[in-house]
Amino acid sequence: MTAEAHEIYALLAAPLFAVGLVGVFACRHFLKKIIAAKILGASAFLLLIALAARDHGEGPDPVPHAMVITGIVVAVSAAAFALTLARRIWQETGQSGFGEKP
């Protein structure tokens, strides 16, 4: 990975983080909040991968890569749990977001 590539990845993580953060706080619909949280998590993974790059022809640091792989597994599990909760709330109350009346 060239020095420019990991800098570009690190710079792309910031707007993705901002989009995810705005989505989590601004959206009222449960599904939109879950998707925004996934975008926010993906930006953190992208930043970790970008920070793993080394200069001087060495290979990347394997620890951040292992953390990202573990984080992806945890994020998928958390998303599945959040989707299950959102579906259950919708079935029980008929609400698909915060502040709605059934």
PDB file of N, CA and C in Angstrom:
ATOM      1  N   MET A   1       0.852  -1.162   0.000  1.00  0.00           N
ATOM      2  CA  MET A   1       0.000   0.000   0.000  1.00  0.00           C
ATOM      3  C   MET A   1       0.904   1.233   0.000  1.00  0.00           C
ATOM      4  N   THR A   2       0.661   2.137  -0.898  1.00  0.00           N
ATOM      5  CA  THR A   2       1.487   3.337  -0.950  1.00  0.00           C
ATOM      6  C   THR A   2       1.087   4.305   0.158  1.00  0.00           C
ATOM      7  N   ALA A   3       1.963   5.251   0.396  1.00  0.00           N
ATOM      8  CA  ALA A   3       1.688   6.237   1.449  1.00  0.00           C
ATOM      9  C   ALA A   3       0.445   7.046   1.109  1.00  0.00           C
ATOM     10  N   GLU A   4       0.251   7.320  -0.163  1.00  0.00           N
ATOM     11  CA  GLU A   4      -0.911   8.109  -0.557  1.00  0.00           C
ATOM     12  C   GLU A   4      -2.210   7.334  -0.354  1.00  0.00           C
ATOM     13  N   ALA A   5      -2.172   6.047  -0.581  1.00  0.00           N
ATOM     14  CA  ALA A   5      -3.397   5.249  -0.469  1.00  0.00           C
ATOM     15  C   ALA A   5      -3.896   5.205   0.968  1.00  0.00           C
ATOM     16  N   HIS A   6      -3.005   4.976   1.924  1.00  0.00           N
ATOM     17  CA  HIS A   6      -3.498   4.906   3.295  1.00  0.00           C
ATOM     18  C   HIS A   6      -3.913   6.276   3.815  1.00  0.00           C
ATOM     19  N   GLU A   7      -3.320   7.345   3.270  1.00  0.00           N
ATOM     20  CA  GLU A   7      -3.775   8.687   3.641  1.00  0.00           C
ATOM     21  C   GLU A   7      -5.168   8.959   3.090  1.00  0.00           C
ATOM     22  N   ILE A   8      -5.432   8.486   1.884  1.00  0.00           N
ATOM     23  CA  ILE A   8      -6.766   8.652   1.290  1.00  0.00           C
ATOM     24  C   ILE A   8      -7.797   7.877   2.097  1.00  0.00           C
ATOM     25  N   TYR A   9      -7.462   6.664   2.500  1.00  0.00           N
ATOM     26  CA  TYR A   9      -8.393   5.874   3.315  1.00  0.00           C
ATOM     27  C   TYR A   9      -8.685   6.564   4.645  1.00  0.00           C
ATOM     28  N   ALA A  10      -7.648   7.122   5.253  1.00  0.00           N
ATOM     29  CA  ALA A  10      -7.847   7.820   6.525  1.00  0.00           C
ATOM     30  C   ALA A  10      -8.713   9.061   6.333  1.00  0.00           C
ATOM     31  N   LEU A  11      -8.521   9.762   5.230  1.00  0.00           N
ATOM     32  CA  LEU A  11      -9.340  10.946   4.965  1.00  0.00           C
ATOM     33  C   LEU A  11     -10.781  10.582   4.615  1.00  0.00           C
ATOM     34  N   LEU A  12     -10.995   9.443   3.997  1.00  0.00           N
ATOM     35  CA  LEU A  12     -12.362   9.012   3.680  1.00  0.00           C
ATOM     36  C   LEU A  12     -13.112   8.532   4.914  1.00  0.00           C
ATOM     37  N   ALA A  13     -12.381   8.136   5.934  1.00  0.00           N
ATOM     38  CA  ALA A  13     -13.042   7.666   7.155  1.00  0.00           C
ATOM     39  C   ALA A  13     -13.764   8.801   7.871  1.00  0.00           C
ATOM     40  N   ALA A  14     -13.247  10.015   7.790  1.00  0.00           N
ATOM     41  CA  ALA A  14     -13.854  11.149   8.501  1.00  0.00           C
ATOM     42  C   ALA A  14     -15.251  11.490   7.987  1.00  0.00           C
ATOM     43  N   PRO A  15     -15.463  11.657   6.668  1.00  0.00           N
ATOM     44  CA  PRO A  15     -16.833  11.944   6.228  1.00  0.00           C
ATOM     45  C   PRO A  15     -17.788  10.774   6.456  1.00  0.00           C
ATOM     46  N   LEU A  16     -17.284   9.549   6.344  1.00  0.00           N
ATOM     47  CA  LEU A  16     -18.149   8.402   6.643  1.00  0.00           C
ATOM     48  C   LEU A  16     -18.574   8.412   8.105  1.00  0.00           C
ATOM     49  N   PHE A  17     -17.654   8.743   8.984  1.00  0.00           N
ATOM     50  CA  PHE A  17     -17.976   8.840  10.406  1.00  0.00           C
ATOM     51  C   PHE A  17     -19.022   9.927  10.643  1.00  0.00           C
ATOM     52  N   ALA A  18     -18.862  11.069   9.970  1.00  0.00           N
ATOM     53  CA  ALA A  18     -19.811  12.171  10.131  1.00  0.00           C
ATOM     54  C   ALA A  18     -21.200  11.778   9.630  1.00  0.00           C
ATOM     55  N   VAL A  19     -21.269  11.111   8.485  1.00  0.00           N
ATOM     56  CA  VAL A  19     -22.563  10.668   7.950  1.00  0.00           C
ATOM     57  C   VAL A  19     -23.225   9.687   8.907  1.00  0.00           C
ATOM     58  N   GLY A  20     -22.459   8.751   9.422  1.00  0.00           N
ATOM     59  CA  GLY A  20     -23.015   7.788  10.367  1.00  0.00           C
ATOM     60  C   GLY A  20     -23.485   8.435  11.650  1.00  0.00           C
ATOM     61  N   LEU A  21     -22.714   9.379  12.159  1.00  0.00           N
ATOM     62  CA  LEU A  21     -23.076  10.059  13.403  1.00  0.00           C
ATOM     63  C   LEU A  21     -24.343  10.890  13.231  1.00  0.00           C
ATOM     64  N   VAL A  22     -24.441  11.610  12.120  1.00  0.00           N
ATOM     65  CA  VAL A  22     -25.649  12.395  11.848  1.00  0.00           C
ATOM     66  C   VAL A  22     -26.851  11.471  11.696  1.00  0.00           C
ATOM     67  N   GLY A  23     -26.662  10.358  11.014  1.00  0.00           N
ATOM     68  CA  GLY A  23     -27.763   9.415  10.839  1.00  0.00           C
ATOM     69  C   GLY A  23     -28.245   8.820  12.144  1.00  0.00           C
ATOM     70  N   VAL A  24     -27.327   8.509  13.035  1.00  0.00           N
ATOM     71  CA  VAL A  24     -27.714   7.933  14.326  1.00  0.00           C
ATOM     72  C   VAL A  24     -28.522   8.935  15.140  1.00  0.00           C
ATOM     73  N   PHE A  25     -28.118  10.197  15.127  1.00  0.00           N
ATOM     74  CA  PHE A  25     -28.792  11.189  15.961  1.00  0.00           C
ATOM     75  C   PHE A  25     -29.990  11.849  15.277  1.00  0.00           C
ATOM     76  N   ALA A  26     -29.997  11.953  13.949  1.00  0.00           N
ATOM     77  CA  ALA A  26     -31.054  12.701  13.270  1.00  0.00           C
ATOM     78  C   ALA A  26     -32.238  11.835  12.845  1.00  0.00           C
ATOM     79  N   CYS A  27     -32.011  10.578  12.537  1.00  0.00           N
ATOM     80  CA  CYS A  27     -33.093   9.726  12.041  1.00  0.00           C
ATOM     81  C   CYS A  27     -33.929   9.192  13.193  1.00  0.00           C
ATOM     82  N   ARG A  28     -35.226   9.051  12.949  1.00  0.00           N
ATOM     83  CA  ARG A  28     -36.115   8.515  13.973  1.00  0.00           C
ATOM     84  C   ARG A  28     -36.472   7.054  13.689  1.00  0.00           C
ATOM     85  N   HIS A  29     -36.369   6.656  12.443  1.00  0.00           N
ATOM     86  CA  HIS A  29     -36.732   5.294  12.045  1.00  0.00           C
ATOM     87  C   HIS A  29     -35.653   4.322  12.525  1.00  0.00           C
ATOM     88  N   PHE A  30     -36.085   3.198  13.103  1.00  0.00           N
ATOM     89  CA  PHE A  30     -35.137   2.234  13.671  1.00  0.00           C
ATOM     90  C   PHE A  30     -34.170   1.683  12.626  1.00  0.00           C
ATOM     91  N   LEU A  31     -34.689   1.336  11.464  1.00  0.00           N
ATOM     92  CA  LEU A  31     -33.844   0.743  10.425  1.00  0.00           C
ATOM     93  C   LEU A  31     -32.785   1.739   9.945  1.00  0.00           C
ATOM     94  N   LYS A  32     -33.174   2.997   9.804  1.00  0.00           N
ATOM     95  CA  LYS A  32     -32.201   4.014   9.388  1.00  0.00           C
ATOM     96  C   LYS A  32     -31.121   4.207  10.448  1.00  0.00           C
ATOM     97  N   LYS A  33     -31.504   4.139  11.711  1.00  0.00           N
ATOM     98  CA  LYS A  33     -30.516   4.255  12.790  1.00  0.00           C
ATOM     99  C   LYS A  33     -29.530   3.087  12.759  1.00  0.00           C
ATOM    100  N   ILE A  34     -30.031   1.897  12.498  1.00  0.00           N
ATOM    101  CA  ILE A  34     -29.162   0.720  12.448  1.00  0.00           C
ATOM    102  C   ILE A  34     -28.194   0.822  11.273  1.00  0.00           C
ATOM    103  N   ILE A  35     -28.687   1.252  10.117  1.00  0.00           N
ATOM    104  CA  ILE A  35     -27.818   1.417   8.950  1.00  0.00           C
ATOM    105  C   ILE A  35     -26.770   2.497   9.212  1.00  0.00           C
ATOM    106  N   ALA A  36     -27.181   3.592   9.846  1.00  0.00           N
ATOM    107  CA  ALA A  36     -26.230   4.662  10.170  1.00  0.00           C
ATOM    108  C   ALA A  36     -25.159   4.164  11.139  1.00  0.00           C
ATOM    109  N   ALA A  37     -25.557   3.343  12.095  1.00  0.00           N
ATOM    110  CA  ALA A  37     -24.575   2.785  13.031  1.00  0.00           C
ATOM    111  C   ALA A  37     -23.598   1.863  12.304  1.00  0.00           C
ATOM    112  N   LYS A  38     -24.074   1.123  11.320  1.00  0.00           N
ATOM    113  CA  LYS A  38     -23.179   0.269  10.529  1.00  0.00           C
ATOM    114  C   LYS A  38     -22.189   1.115   9.724  1.00  0.00           C
ATOM    115  N   ILE A  39     -22.643   2.236   9.174  1.00  0.00           N
ATOM    116  CA  ILE A  39     -21.748   3.137   8.443  1.00  0.00           C
ATOM    117  C   ILE A  39     -20.702   3.716   9.384  1.00  0.00           C
ATOM    118  N   LEU A  40     -21.124   4.097  10.578  1.00  0.00           N
ATOM    119  CA  LEU A  40     -20.204   4.634  11.579  1.00  0.00           C
ATOM    120  C   LEU A  40     -19.139   3.595  11.937  1.00  0.00           C
ATOM    121  N   GLY A  41     -19.547   2.360  12.117  1.00  0.00           N
ATOM    122  CA  GLY A  41     -18.594   1.294  12.427  1.00  0.00           C
ATOM    123  C   GLY A  41     -17.645   1.014  11.274  1.00  0.00           C
ATOM    124  N   ALA A  42     -18.162   1.069  10.055  1.00  0.00           N
ATOM    125  CA  ALA A  42     -17.308   0.838   8.887  1.00  0.00           C
ATOM    126  C   ALA A  42     -16.237   1.916   8.773  1.00  0.00           C
ATOM    127  N   SER A  43     -16.580   3.143   9.152  1.00  0.00           N
ATOM    128  CA  SER A  43     -15.567   4.204   9.102  1.00  0.00           C
ATOM    129  C   SER A  43     -14.460   3.952  10.124  1.00  0.00           C
ATOM    130  N   ALA A  44     -14.819   3.423  11.276  1.00  0.00           N
ATOM    131  CA  ALA A  44     -13.792   3.090  12.278  1.00  0.00           C
ATOM    132  C   ALA A  44     -12.890   1.969  11.774  1.00  0.00           C
ATOM    133  N   PHE A  45     -13.467   0.984  11.114  1.00  0.00           N
ATOM    134  CA  PHE A  45     -12.664  -0.106  10.553  1.00  0.00           C
ATOM    135  C   PHE A  45     -11.733   0.417   9.460  1.00  0.00           C
ATOM    136  N   LEU A  46     -12.251   1.315   8.619  1.00  0.00           N
ATOM    137  CA  LEU A  46     -11.437   1.892   7.552  1.00  0.00           C
ATOM    138  C   LEU A  46     -10.259   2.677   8.126  1.00  0.00           C
ATOM    139  N   LEU A  47     -10.500   3.419   9.182  1.00  0.00           N
ATOM    140  CA  LEU A  47      -9.418   4.177   9.812  1.00  0.00           C
ATOM    141  C   LEU A  47      -8.372   3.247  10.423  1.00  0.00           C
ATOM    142  N   LEU A  48      -8.811   2.175  11.065  1.00  0.00           N
ATOM    143  CA  LEU A  48      -7.852   1.224  11.638  1.00  0.00           C
ATOM    144  C   LEU A  48      -6.987   0.579  10.555  1.00  0.00           C
ATOM    145  N   ILE A  49      -7.588   0.230   9.440  1.00  0.00           N
ATOM    146  CA  ILE A  49      -6.820  -0.362   8.336  1.00  0.00           C
ATOM    147  C   ILE A  49      -5.833   0.659   7.776  1.00  0.00           C
ATOM    148  N   ALA A  50      -6.267   1.913   7.660  1.00  0.00           N
ATOM    149  CA  ALA A  50      -5.366   2.950   7.145  1.00  0.00           C
ATOM    150  C   ALA A  50      -4.199   3.188   8.094  1.00  0.00           C
ATOM    151  N   LEU A  51      -4.446   3.111   9.384  1.00  0.00           N
ATOM    152  CA  LEU A  51      -3.375   3.337  10.355  1.00  0.00           C
ATOM    153  C   LEU A  51      -2.414   2.157  10.459  1.00  0.00           C
ATOM    154  N   ALA A  52      -2.786   1.012   9.912  1.00  0.00           N
ATOM    155  CA  ALA A  52      -1.922  -0.166   9.979  1.00  0.00           C
ATOM    156  C   ALA A  52      -0.772  -0.105   8.981  1.00  0.00           C
ATOM    157  N   ALA A  53      -0.838   0.803   8.024  1.00  0.00           N
ATOM    158  CA  ALA A  53       0.202   0.882   6.997  1.00  0.00           C
ATOM    159  C   ALA A  53       1.514   1.357   7.605  1.00  0.00           C
ATOM    160  N   ARG A  54       2.597   0.821   7.072  1.00  0.00           N
ATOM    161  CA  ARG A  54       3.939   1.217   7.503  1.00  0.00           C
ATOM    162  C   ARG A  54       4.711   1.719   6.296  1.00  0.00           C
ATOM    163  N   ASP A  55       5.691   2.519   6.566  1.00  0.00           N
ATOM    164  CA  ASP A  55       6.572   2.996   5.502  1.00  0.00           C
ATOM    165  C   ASP A  55       7.798   2.086   5.407  1.00  0.00           C
ATOM    166  N   HIS A  56       8.678   2.410   4.524  1.00  0.00           N
ATOM    167  CA  HIS A  56       9.962   1.723   4.358  1.00  0.00           C
ATOM    168  C   HIS A  56       9.810   0.291   3.851  1.00  0.00           C
ATOM    169  N   GLY A  57       8.807  -0.010   3.086  1.00  0.00           N
ATOM    170  CA  GLY A  57       8.681  -1.310   2.455  1.00  0.00           C
ATOM    171  C   GLY A  57       8.299  -2.458   3.360  1.00  0.00           C
ATOM    172  N   GLU A  58       7.987  -2.195   4.608  1.00  0.00           N
ATOM    173  CA  GLU A  58       7.564  -3.264   5.510  1.00  0.00           C
ATOM    174  C   GLU A  58       6.098  -3.597   5.257  1.00  0.00           C
ATOM    175  N   GLY A  59       5.704  -4.764   5.710  1.00  0.00           N
ATOM    176  CA  GLY A  59       4.305  -5.134   5.610  1.00  0.00           C
ATOM    177  C   GLY A  59       3.473  -4.373   6.629  1.00  0.00           C
ATOM    178  N   PRO A  60       2.165  -4.397   6.471  1.00  0.00           N
ATOM    179  CA  PRO A  60       1.311  -3.690   7.426  1.00  0.00           C
ATOM    180  C   PRO A  60       1.328  -4.367   8.793  1.00  0.00           C
ATOM    181  N   ASP A  61       0.972  -3.615   9.804  1.00  0.00           N
ATOM    182  CA  ASP A  61       0.898  -4.134  11.168  1.00  0.00           C
ATOM    183  C   ASP A  61      -0.291  -5.098  11.255  1.00  0.00           C
ATOM    184  N   PRO A  62      -0.089  -6.345  11.677  1.00  0.00           N
ATOM    185  CA  PRO A  62      -1.192  -7.312  11.689  1.00  0.00           C
ATOM    186  C   PRO A  62      -2.196  -7.112  12.827  1.00  0.00           C
ATOM    187  N   VAL A  63      -1.825  -6.394  13.876  1.00  0.00           N
ATOM    188  CA  VAL A  63      -2.733  -6.246  15.021  1.00  0.00           C
ATOM    189  C   VAL A  63      -3.999  -5.468  14.650  1.00  0.00           C
ATOM    190  N   PRO A  64      -3.908  -4.313  13.958  1.00  0.00           N
ATOM    191  CA  PRO A  64      -5.149  -3.639  13.574  1.00  0.00           C
ATOM    192  C   PRO A  64      -6.021  -4.473  12.635  1.00  0.00           C
ATOM    193  N   HIS A  65      -5.391  -5.262  11.781  1.00  0.00           N
ATOM    194  CA  HIS A  65      -6.169  -6.124  10.890  1.00  0.00           C
ATOM    195  C   HIS A  65      -6.939  -7.165  11.697  1.00  0.00           C
ATOM    196  N   ALA A  66      -6.305  -7.738  12.692  1.00  0.00           N
ATOM    197  CA  ALA A  66      -6.992  -8.705  13.553  1.00  0.00           C
ATOM    198  C   ALA A  66      -8.120  -8.034  14.326  1.00  0.00           C
ATOM    199  N   MET A  67      -7.881  -6.803  14.771  1.00  0.00           N
ATOM    200  CA  MET A  67      -8.936  -6.073  15.480  1.00  0.00           C
ATOM    201  C   MET A  67     -10.124  -5.793  14.569  1.00  0.00           C
ATOM    202  N   VAL A  68      -9.856  -5.465  13.316  1.00  0.00           N
ATOM    203  CA  VAL A  68     -10.937  -5.185  12.369  1.00  0.00           C
ATOM    204  C   VAL A  68     -11.738  -6.448  12.084  1.00  0.00           C
ATOM    205  N   ILE A  69     -11.062  -7.568  11.886  1.00  0.00           N
ATOM    206  CA  ILE A  69     -11.783  -8.819  11.631  1.00  0.00           C
ATOM    207  C   ILE A  69     -12.664  -9.178  12.819  1.00  0.00           C
ATOM    208  N   THR A  70     -12.137  -9.040  14.019  1.00  0.00           N
ATOM    209  CA  THR A  70     -12.933  -9.298  15.219  1.00  0.00           C
ATOM    210  C   THR A  70     -14.082  -8.309  15.324  1.00  0.00           C
ATOM    211  N   GLY A  71     -13.810  -7.050  15.016  1.00  0.00           N
ATOM    212  CA  GLY A  71     -14.851  -6.025  15.064  1.00  0.00           C
ATOM    213  C   GLY A  71     -15.959  -6.262  14.066  1.00  0.00           C
ATOM    214  N   ILE A  72     -15.622  -6.772  12.896  1.00  0.00           N
ATOM    215  CA  ILE A  72     -16.646  -7.068  11.890  1.00  0.00           C
ATOM    216  C   ILE A  72     -17.575  -8.158  12.393  1.00  0.00           C
ATOM    217  N   VAL A  73     -17.015  -9.184  13.013  1.00  0.00           N
ATOM    218  CA  VAL A  73     -17.846 -10.264  13.559  1.00  0.00           C
ATOM    219  C   VAL A  73     -18.783  -9.727  14.638  1.00  0.00           C
ATOM    220  N   VAL A  74     -18.248  -8.903  15.525  1.00  0.00           N
ATOM    221  CA  VAL A  74     -19.074  -8.326  16.590  1.00  0.00           C
ATOM    222  C   VAL A  74     -20.126  -7.389  16.001  1.00  0.00           C
ATOM    223  N   ALA A  75     -19.755  -6.596  15.000  1.00  0.00           N
ATOM    224  CA  ALA A  75     -20.698  -5.659  14.387  1.00  0.00           C
ATOM    225  C   ALA A  75     -21.840  -6.379  13.680  1.00  0.00           C
ATOM    226  N   VAL A  76     -21.542  -7.475  13.015  1.00  0.00           N
ATOM    227  CA  VAL A  76     -22.603  -8.244  12.357  1.00  0.00           C
ATOM    228  C   VAL A  76     -23.551  -8.827  13.394  1.00  0.00           C
ATOM    229  N   SER A  77     -23.006  -9.334  14.480  1.00  0.00           N
ATOM    230  CA  SER A  77     -23.848  -9.879  15.548  1.00  0.00           C
ATOM    231  C   SER A  77     -24.708  -8.791  16.180  1.00  0.00           C
ATOM    232  N   ALA A  78     -24.127  -7.634  16.431  1.00  0.00           N
ATOM    233  CA  ALA A  78     -24.883  -6.529  17.028  1.00  0.00           C
ATOM    234  C   ALA A  78     -25.964  -6.030  16.078  1.00  0.00           C
ATOM    235  N   ALA A  79     -25.664  -5.993  14.781  1.00  0.00           N
ATOM    236  CA  ALA A  79     -26.667  -5.558  13.811  1.00  0.00           C
ATOM    237  C   ALA A  79     -27.821  -6.553  13.738  1.00  0.00           C
ATOM    238  N   ALA A  80     -27.509  -7.833  13.776  1.00  0.00           N
ATOM    239  CA  ALA A  80     -28.569  -8.841  13.762  1.00  0.00           C
ATOM    240  C   ALA A  80     -29.450  -8.717  15.001  1.00  0.00           C
ATOM    241  N   PHE A  81     -28.836  -8.485  16.149  1.00  0.00           N
ATOM    242  CA  PHE A  81     -29.599  -8.305  17.384  1.00  0.00           C
ATOM    243  C   PHE A  81     -30.456  -7.045  17.313  1.00  0.00           C
ATOM    244  N   ALA A  82     -29.890  -5.944  16.796  1.00  0.00           N
ATOM    245  CA  ALA A  82     -30.644  -4.692  16.683  1.00  0.00           C
ATOM    246  C   ALA A  82     -31.813  -4.839  15.716  1.00  0.00           C
ATOM    247  N   LEU A  83     -31.605  -5.541  14.609  1.00  0.00           N
ATOM    248  CA  LEU A  83     -32.702  -5.768  13.665  1.00  0.00           C
ATOM    249  C   LEU A  83     -33.792  -6.630  14.283  1.00  0.00           C
ATOM    250  N   THR A  84     -33.400  -7.612  15.067  1.00  0.00           N
ATOM    251  CA  THR A  84     -34.378  -8.452  15.758  1.00  0.00           C
ATOM    252  C   THR A  84     -35.185  -7.633  16.757  1.00  0.00           C
ATOM    253  N   LEU A  85     -34.514  -6.770  17.510  1.00  0.00           N
ATOM    254  CA  LEU A  85     -35.225  -5.906  18.454  1.00  0.00           C
ATOM    255  C   LEU A  85     -36.170  -4.949  17.733  1.00  0.00           C
ATOM    256  N   ALA A  86     -35.717  -4.357  16.634  1.00  0.00           N
ATOM    257  CA  ALA A  86     -36.565  -3.431  15.882  1.00  0.00           C
ATOM    258  C   ALA A  86     -37.799  -4.144  15.338  1.00  0.00           C
ATOM    259  N   ARG A  87     -37.616  -5.357  14.852  1.00  0.00           N
ATOM    260  CA  ARG A  87     -38.752  -6.126  14.339  1.00  0.00           C
ATOM    261  C   ARG A  87     -39.724  -6.464  15.461  1.00  0.00           C
ATOM    262  N   ARG A  88     -39.195  -6.828  16.603  1.00  0.00           N
ATOM    263  CA  ARG A  88     -40.049  -7.171  17.745  1.00  0.00           C
ATOM    264  C   ARG A  88     -40.835  -5.952  18.237  1.00  0.00           C
ATOM    265  N   ILE A  89     -40.175  -4.803  18.291  1.00  0.00           N
ATOM    266  CA  ILE A  89     -40.865  -3.571  18.683  1.00  0.00           C
ATOM    267  C   ILE A  89     -41.970  -3.253  17.688  1.00  0.00           C
ATOM    268  N   TRP A  90     -41.685  -3.417  16.407  1.00  0.00           N
ATOM    269  CA  TRP A  90     -42.700  -3.155  15.379  1.00  0.00           C
ATOM    270  C   TRP A  90     -43.876  -4.117  15.514  1.00  0.00           C
ATOM    271  N   GLN A  91     -43.594  -5.394  15.786  1.00  0.00           N
ATOM    272  CA  GLN A  91     -44.675  -6.372  15.934  1.00  0.00           C
ATOM    273  C   GLN A  91     -45.535  -6.082  17.159  1.00  0.00           C
ATOM    274  N   GLU A  92     -44.908  -5.698  18.259  1.00  0.00           N
ATOM    275  CA  GLU A  92     -45.640  -5.485  19.506  1.00  0.00           C
ATOM    276  C   GLU A  92     -46.388  -4.156  19.534  1.00  0.00           C
ATOM    277  N   THR A  93     -45.774  -3.099  19.017  1.00  0.00           N
ATOM    278  CA  THR A  93     -46.357  -1.764  19.155  1.00  0.00           C
ATOM    279  C   THR A  93     -46.815  -1.153  17.839  1.00  0.00           C
ATOM    280  N   GLY A  94     -46.332  -1.654  16.730  1.00  0.00           N
ATOM    281  CA  GLY A  94     -46.660  -1.060  15.436  1.00  0.00           C
ATOM    282  C   GLY A  94     -45.818   0.164  15.111  1.00  0.00           C
ATOM    283  N   GLN A  95     -44.884   0.513  15.974  1.00  0.00           N
ATOM    284  CA  GLN A  95     -44.013   1.668  15.747  1.00  0.00           C
ATOM    285  C   GLN A  95     -42.749   1.232  15.015  1.00  0.00           C
ATOM    286  N   SER A  96     -42.345   2.044  14.042  1.00  0.00           N
ATOM    287  CA  SER A  96     -41.105   1.746  13.328  1.00  0.00           C
ATOM    288  C   SER A  96     -40.020   2.769  13.643  1.00  0.00           C
ATOM    289  N   GLY A  97     -40.279   3.610  14.645  1.00  0.00           N
ATOM    290  CA  GLY A  97     -39.292   4.608  15.026  1.00  0.00           C
ATOM    291  C   GLY A  97     -39.642   5.248  16.346  1.00  0.00           C
ATOM    292  N   PHE A  98     -38.790   6.161  16.767  1.00  0.00           N
ATOM    293  CA  PHE A  98     -39.023   6.882  18.012  1.00  0.00           C
ATOM    294  C   PHE A  98     -40.038   7.992  17.781  1.00  0.00           C
ATOM    295  N   GLY A  99     -40.880   8.229  18.755  1.00  0.00           N
ATOM    296  CA  GLY A  99     -41.809   9.347  18.696  1.00  0.00           C
ATOM    297  C   GLY A  99     -43.041   9.117  17.851  1.00  0.00           C
ATOM    298  N   GLU A 100     -43.269   7.902  17.399  1.00  0.00           N
ATOM    299  CA  GLU A 100     -44.466   7.608  16.608  1.00  0.00           C
ATOM    300  C   GLU A 100     -45.587   7.142  17.517  1.00  0.00           C
ATOM    301  N   LYS A 101     -46.804   7.384  17.059  1.00  0.00           N
ATOM    302  CA  LYS A 101     -47.959   6.876  17.797  1.00  0.00           C
ATOM    303  C   LYS A 101     -48.491   5.657  17.060  1.00  0.00           C
ATOM    304  N   PRO A 102     -48.867   4.623  17.795  1.00  0.00           N
ATOM    305  CA  PRO A 102     -49.321   3.385  17.136  1.00  0.00           C
ATOM    306  C   PRO A 102     -50.604   3.544  16.362  1.00  0.00           C
TER     307      PRO A 102
END
